[in-house]
PDB file of N, CA and C in Angstrom:
ATOM      1  N   MET A   1     -11.326 -12.404 -10.730  1.00  0.00           N
ATOM      2  CA  MET A   1     -10.953 -12.433  -9.335  1.00  0.00           C
ATOM      3  C   MET A   1     -10.930 -11.005  -8.785  1.00  0.00           C
ATOM      4  N   LYS A   2     -11.515 -10.829  -7.632  1.00  0.00           N
ATOM      5  CA  LYS A   2     -11.557  -9.519  -7.014  1.00  0.00           C
ATOM      6  C   LYS A   2     -10.331  -9.319  -6.127  1.00  0.00           C
ATOM      7  N   LEU A   3      -9.678  -8.167  -6.270  1.00  0.00           N
ATOM      8  CA  LEU A   3      -8.522  -7.859  -5.435  1.00  0.00           C
ATOM      9  C   LEU A   3      -8.982  -7.400  -4.054  1.00  0.00           C
ATOM     10  N   ALA A   4      -8.195  -7.749  -3.055  1.00  0.00           N
ATOM     11  CA  ALA A   4      -8.515  -7.345  -1.691  1.00  0.00           C
ATOM     12  C   ALA A   4      -8.152  -5.881  -1.494  1.00  0.00           C
ATOM     13  N   ASN A   5      -9.038  -5.143  -0.903  1.00  0.00           N
ATOM     14  CA  ASN A   5      -8.751  -3.776  -0.483  1.00  0.00           C
ATOM     15  C   ASN A   5      -9.669  -3.431   0.679  1.00  0.00           C
ATOM     16  N   SER A   6      -9.394  -2.322   1.316  1.00  0.00           N
ATOM     17  CA  SER A   6     -10.175  -1.972   2.501  1.00  0.00           C
ATOM     18  C   SER A   6     -11.615  -1.606   2.154  1.00  0.00           C
ATOM     19  N   ARG A   7     -11.866  -1.191   0.924  1.00  0.00           N
ATOM     20  CA  ARG A   7     -13.224  -0.805   0.540  1.00  0.00           C
ATOM     21  C   ARG A   7     -14.149  -2.000   0.365  1.00  0.00           C
ATOM     22  N   ASN A   8     -13.635  -3.094  -0.206  1.00  0.00           N
ATOM     23  CA  ASN A   8     -14.526  -4.233  -0.445  1.00  0.00           C
ATOM     24  C   ASN A   8     -14.480  -5.248   0.702  1.00  0.00           C
ATOM     25  N   GLY A   9     -13.697  -4.967   1.745  1.00  0.00           N
ATOM     26  CA  GLY A   9     -13.684  -5.807   2.935  1.00  0.00           C
ATOM     27  C   GLY A   9     -12.882  -7.086   2.820  1.00  0.00           C
ATOM     28  N   LEU A  10     -12.228  -7.315   1.685  1.00  0.00           N
ATOM     29  CA  LEU A  10     -11.472  -8.549   1.523  1.00  0.00           C
ATOM     30  C   LEU A  10     -10.061  -8.462   2.106  1.00  0.00           C
ATOM     31  N   ALA A  11      -9.609  -7.262   2.431  1.00  0.00           N
ATOM     32  CA  ALA A  11      -8.245  -7.092   2.909  1.00  0.00           C
ATOM     33  C   ALA A  11      -8.093  -7.504   4.374  1.00  0.00           C
ATOM     34  N   GLY A  12      -9.153  -7.463   5.126  1.00  0.00           N
ATOM     35  CA  GLY A  12      -9.074  -7.844   6.535  1.00  0.00           C
ATOM     36  C   GLY A  12      -8.098  -6.973   7.302  1.00  0.00           C
ATOM     37  N   ASN A  13      -7.271  -7.577   8.126  1.00  0.00           N
ATOM     38  CA  ASN A  13      -6.312  -6.835   8.937  1.00  0.00           C
ATOM     39  C   ASN A  13      -5.065  -6.447   8.168  1.00  0.00           C
ATOM     40  N   ARG A  14      -4.977  -6.833   6.896  1.00  0.00           N
ATOM     41  CA  ARG A  14      -3.796  -6.511   6.106  1.00  0.00           C
ATOM     42  C   ARG A  14      -3.856  -5.120   5.511  1.00  0.00           C
ATOM     43  N   SER A  15      -5.009  -4.477   5.551  1.00  0.00           N
ATOM     44  CA  SER A  15      -5.121  -3.159   4.934  1.00  0.00           C
ATOM     45  C   SER A  15      -4.309  -2.138   5.730  1.00  0.00           C
ATOM     46  N   ILE A  16      -3.865  -1.101   5.030  1.00  0.00           N
ATOM     47  CA  ILE A  16      -3.065  -0.054   5.654  1.00  0.00           C
ATOM     48  C   ILE A  16      -4.015   1.028   6.140  1.00  0.00           C
ATOM     49  N   HIS A  17      -3.928   1.342   7.418  1.00  0.00           N
ATOM     50  CA  HIS A  17      -4.822   2.332   8.001  1.00  0.00           C
ATOM     51  C   HIS A  17      -4.110   3.676   8.072  1.00  0.00           C
ATOM     52  N   ALA A  18      -4.707   4.693   7.480  1.00  0.00           N
ATOM     53  CA  ALA A  18      -4.081   6.003   7.388  1.00  0.00           C
ATOM     54  C   ALA A  18      -4.178   6.815   8.672  1.00  0.00           C
ATOM     55  N   ASN A  19      -4.899   6.333   9.668  1.00  0.00           N
ATOM     56  CA  ASN A  19      -5.064   7.124  10.880  1.00  0.00           C
ATOM     57  C   ASN A  19      -3.938   6.911  11.888  1.00  0.00           C
ATOM     58  N   LYS A  20      -2.949   6.131  11.558  1.00  0.00           N
ATOM     59  CA  LYS A  20      -1.819   5.892  12.447  1.00  0.00           C
ATOM     60  C   LYS A  20      -0.584   6.589  11.907  1.00  0.00           C
ATOM     61  N   ALA A  21       0.210   7.150  12.803  1.00  0.00           N
ATOM     62  CA  ALA A  21       1.445   7.814  12.387  1.00  0.00           C
ATOM     63  C   ALA A  21       2.409   6.782  11.806  1.00  0.00           C
ATOM     64  N   ILE A  22       3.121   7.176  10.780  1.00  0.00           N
ATOM     65  CA  ILE A  22       4.048   6.250  10.130  1.00  0.00           C
ATOM     66  C   ILE A  22       5.367   6.224  10.911  1.00  0.00           C
ATOM     67  N   GLN A  23       5.930   5.062  11.034  1.00  0.00           N
ATOM     68  CA  GLN A  23       7.191   4.868  11.731  1.00  0.00           C
ATOM     69  C   GLN A  23       8.318   4.739  10.710  1.00  0.00           C
ATOM     70  N   GLN A  24       9.544   4.943  11.156  1.00  0.00           N
ATOM     71  CA  GLN A  24      10.707   4.838  10.271  1.00  0.00           C
ATOM     72  C   GLN A  24      10.798   3.464   9.626  1.00  0.00           C
ATOM     73  N   TRP A  25      10.501   2.401  10.379  1.00  0.00           N
ATOM     74  CA  TRP A  25      10.576   1.046   9.828  1.00  0.00           C
ATOM     75  C   TRP A  25       9.546   0.856   8.715  1.00  0.00           C
ATOM     76  N   GLU A  26       8.381   1.529   8.862  1.00  0.00           N
ATOM     77  CA  GLU A  26       7.349   1.386   7.845  1.00  0.00           C
ATOM     78  C   GLU A  26       7.757   2.098   6.555  1.00  0.00           C
ATOM     79  N   ILE A  27       8.426   3.226   6.673  1.00  0.00           N
ATOM     80  CA  ILE A  27       8.922   3.929   5.493  1.00  0.00           C
ATOM     81  C   ILE A  27       9.907   3.041   4.743  1.00  0.00           C
ATOM     82  N   ARG A  28      10.823   2.418   5.473  1.00  0.00           N
ATOM     83  CA  ARG A  28      11.797   1.518   4.829  1.00  0.00           C
ATOM     84  C   ARG A  28      11.089   0.334   4.173  1.00  0.00           C
ATOM     85  N   PHE A  29      10.061  -0.196   4.829  1.00  0.00           N
ATOM     86  CA  PHE A  29       9.319  -1.314   4.266  1.00  0.00           C
ATOM     87  C   PHE A  29       8.587  -0.896   2.985  1.00  0.00           C
ATOM     88  N   LEU A  30       7.971   0.282   2.993  1.00  0.00           N
ATOM     89  CA  LEU A  30       7.265   0.765   1.811  1.00  0.00           C
ATOM     90  C   LEU A  30       8.232   1.015   0.653  1.00  0.00           C
ATOM     91  N   GLU A  31       9.426   1.512   0.959  1.00  0.00           N
ATOM     92  CA  GLU A  31      10.445   1.675  -0.086  1.00  0.00           C
ATOM     93  C   GLU A  31      10.810   0.323  -0.687  1.00  0.00           C
ATOM     94  N   TYR A  32      10.970  -0.673   0.172  1.00  0.00           N
ATOM     95  CA  TYR A  32      11.275  -2.025  -0.295  1.00  0.00           C
ATOM     96  C   TYR A  32      10.139  -2.558  -1.171  1.00  0.00           C
ATOM     97  N   ARG A  33       8.903  -2.363  -0.731  1.00  0.00           N
ATOM     98  CA  ARG A  33       7.750  -2.816  -1.525  1.00  0.00           C
ATOM     99  C   ARG A  33       7.723  -2.156  -2.898  1.00  0.00           C
ATOM    100  N   LEU A  34       8.035  -0.866  -2.948  1.00  0.00           N
ATOM    101  CA  LEU A  34       8.064  -0.171  -4.230  1.00  0.00           C
ATOM    102  C   LEU A  34       9.085  -0.792  -5.175  1.00  0.00           C
ATOM    103  N   GLU A  35      10.249  -1.148  -4.632  1.00  0.00           N
ATOM    104  CA  GLU A  35      11.278  -1.790  -5.453  1.00  0.00           C
ATOM    105  C   GLU A  35      10.789  -3.139  -5.979  1.00  0.00           C
ATOM    106  N   VAL A  36      10.201  -3.932  -5.112  1.00  0.00           N
ATOM    107  CA  VAL A  36       9.733  -5.268  -5.499  1.00  0.00           C
ATOM    108  C   VAL A  36       8.601  -5.171  -6.514  1.00  0.00           C
ATOM    109  N   VAL A  37       7.611  -4.351  -6.213  1.00  0.00           N
ATOM    110  CA  VAL A  37       6.445  -4.238  -7.090  1.00  0.00           C
ATOM    111  C   VAL A  37       6.843  -3.652  -8.445  1.00  0.00           C
ATOM    112  N   GLY A  38       7.847  -2.801  -8.457  1.00  0.00           N
ATOM    113  CA  GLY A  38       8.316  -2.220  -9.711  1.00  0.00           C
ATOM    114  C   GLY A  38       8.804  -3.257 -10.706  1.00  0.00           C
ATOM    115  N   SER A  39       9.229  -4.398 -10.207  1.00  0.00           N
ATOM    116  CA  SER A  39       9.730  -5.455 -11.098  1.00  0.00           C
ATOM    117  C   SER A  39       8.616  -6.394 -11.584  1.00  0.00           C
ATOM    118  N   TRP A  40       7.414  -6.264 -11.038  1.00  0.00           N
ATOM    119  CA  TRP A  40       6.288  -7.103 -11.463  1.00  0.00           C
ATOM    120  C   TRP A  40       5.852  -6.716 -12.870  1.00  0.00           C
ATOM    121  N   PRO A  41       5.320  -7.666 -13.627  1.00  0.00           N
ATOM    122  CA  PRO A  41       4.731  -7.303 -14.926  1.00  0.00           C
ATOM    123  C   PRO A  41       3.465  -6.477 -14.697  1.00  0.00           C
ATOM    124  N   ASP A  42       3.121  -5.654 -15.679  1.00  0.00           N
ATOM    125  CA  ASP A  42       1.913  -4.833 -15.563  1.00  0.00           C
ATOM    126  C   ASP A  42       0.686  -5.706 -15.337  1.00  0.00           C
ATOM    127  N   SER A  43      -0.107  -5.342 -14.328  1.00  0.00           N
ATOM    128  CA  SER A  43      -1.322  -6.082 -14.005  1.00  0.00           C
ATOM    129  C   SER A  43      -2.178  -5.234 -13.076  1.00  0.00           C
ATOM    130  N   ALA A  44      -3.404  -5.661 -12.875  1.00  0.00           N
ATOM    131  CA  ALA A  44      -4.299  -4.970 -11.942  1.00  0.00           C
ATOM    132  C   ALA A  44      -3.762  -5.061 -10.514  1.00  0.00           C
ATOM    133  N   ARG A  45      -3.144  -6.175 -10.184  1.00  0.00           N
ATOM    134  CA  ARG A  45      -2.587  -6.341  -8.833  1.00  0.00           C
ATOM    135  C   ARG A  45      -1.444  -5.356  -8.598  1.00  0.00           C
ATOM    136  N   LYS A  46      -0.598  -5.161  -9.617  1.00  0.00           N
ATOM    137  CA  LYS A  46       0.506  -4.208  -9.494  1.00  0.00           C
ATOM    138  C   LYS A  46      -0.039  -2.804  -9.277  1.00  0.00           C
ATOM    139  N   VAL A  47      -1.021  -2.422 -10.053  1.00  0.00           N
ATOM    140  CA  VAL A  47      -1.616  -1.091  -9.934  1.00  0.00           C
ATOM    141  C   VAL A  47      -2.234  -0.905  -8.551  1.00  0.00           C
ATOM    142  N   ALA A  48      -2.971  -1.884  -8.066  1.00  0.00           N
ATOM    143  CA  ALA A  48      -3.619  -1.786  -6.754  1.00  0.00           C
ATOM    144  C   ALA A  48      -2.584  -1.683  -5.637  1.00  0.00           C
ATOM    145  N   THR A  49      -1.512  -2.446  -5.742  1.00  0.00           N
ATOM    146  CA  THR A  49      -0.471  -2.412  -4.720  1.00  0.00           C
ATOM    147  C   THR A  49       0.229  -1.067  -4.703  1.00  0.00           C
ATOM    148  N   LEU A  50       0.554  -0.549  -5.886  1.00  0.00           N
ATOM    149  CA  LEU A  50       1.194   0.762  -5.968  1.00  0.00           C
ATOM    150  C   LEU A  50       0.279   1.860  -5.432  1.00  0.00           C
ATOM    151  N   GLU A  51      -0.998   1.775  -5.735  1.00  0.00           N
ATOM    152  CA  GLU A  51      -1.955   2.758  -5.227  1.00  0.00           C
ATOM    153  C   GLU A  51      -2.023   2.720  -3.703  1.00  0.00           C
ATOM    154  N   ALA A  52      -1.994   1.541  -3.126  1.00  0.00           N
ATOM    155  CA  ALA A  52      -2.040   1.408  -1.659  1.00  0.00           C
ATOM    156  C   ALA A  52      -0.805   2.021  -1.018  1.00  0.00           C
ATOM    157  N   ILE A  53       0.355   1.808  -1.615  1.00  0.00           N
ATOM    158  CA  ILE A  53       1.593   2.384  -1.086  1.00  0.00           C
ATOM    159  C   ILE A  53       1.538   3.904  -1.161  1.00  0.00           C
ATOM    160  N   VAL A  54       1.127   4.423  -2.295  1.00  0.00           N
ATOM    161  CA  VAL A  54       1.052   5.880  -2.482  1.00  0.00           C
ATOM    162  C   VAL A  54       0.030   6.497  -1.528  1.00  0.00           C
ATOM    163  N   LEU A  55      -1.104   5.847  -1.340  1.00  0.00           N
ATOM    164  CA  LEU A  55      -2.104   6.364  -0.397  1.00  0.00           C
ATOM    165  C   LEU A  55      -1.543   6.452   1.019  1.00  0.00           C
ATOM    166  N   ARG A  56      -0.808   5.435   1.405  1.00  0.00           N
ATOM    167  CA  ARG A  56      -0.220   5.436   2.753  1.00  0.00           C
ATOM    168  C   ARG A  56       0.781   6.573   2.900  1.00  0.00           C
ATOM    169  N   LEU A  57       1.631   6.742   1.898  1.00  0.00           N
ATOM    170  CA  LEU A  57       2.617   7.818   1.970  1.00  0.00           C
ATOM    171  C   LEU A  57       1.947   9.186   1.928  1.00  0.00           C
ATOM    172  N   ASP A  58       0.905   9.342   1.131  1.00  0.00           N
ATOM    173  CA  ASP A  58       0.176  10.611   1.067  1.00  0.00           C
ATOM    174  C   ASP A  58      -0.496  10.941   2.400  1.00  0.00           C
ATOM    175  N   SER A  59      -0.961   9.923   3.109  1.00  0.00           N
ATOM    176  CA  SER A  59      -1.631  10.169   4.389  1.00  0.00           C
ATOM    177  C   SER A  59      -0.669  10.753   5.409  1.00  0.00           C
ATOM    178  N   VAL A  60       0.592  10.433   5.282  1.00  0.00           N
ATOM    179  CA  VAL A  60       1.585  10.961   6.201  1.00  0.00           C
ATOM    180  C   VAL A  60       1.958  12.391   5.818  1.00  0.00           C
ATOM    181  N   ARG A  61       2.039  12.657   4.533  1.00  0.00           N
ATOM    182  CA  ARG A  61       2.416  13.972   4.031  1.00  0.00           C
ATOM    183  C   ARG A  61       1.392  15.030   4.441  1.00  0.00           C
ATOM    184  N   GLU A  62       0.138  14.644   4.575  1.00  0.00           N
ATOM    185  CA  GLU A  62      -0.928  15.587   4.906  1.00  0.00           C
ATOM    186  C   GLU A  62      -0.889  16.029   6.356  1.00  0.00           C
ATOM    187  N   ARG A  63      -0.179  15.354   7.203  1.00  0.00           N
ATOM    188  CA  ARG A  63      -0.155  15.665   8.644  1.00  0.00           C
ATOM    189  C   ARG A  63       0.703  16.866   8.945  1.00  0.00           C
TER     190      ARG A  63
END
């Protein structure tokens, strides 16, 4: 099964776009996602989700 991401076009409108400024609510949501995903068993989906969160946070740090 192929995981959805912005590169393969399967993510659709759910992908995180780095060209938008991050809002306080989004930071809180990403922190929550990190907590939830941290409890998942090791898998390709866990790795992909963590990578997406880190990419989003890195895009803000570069500004």
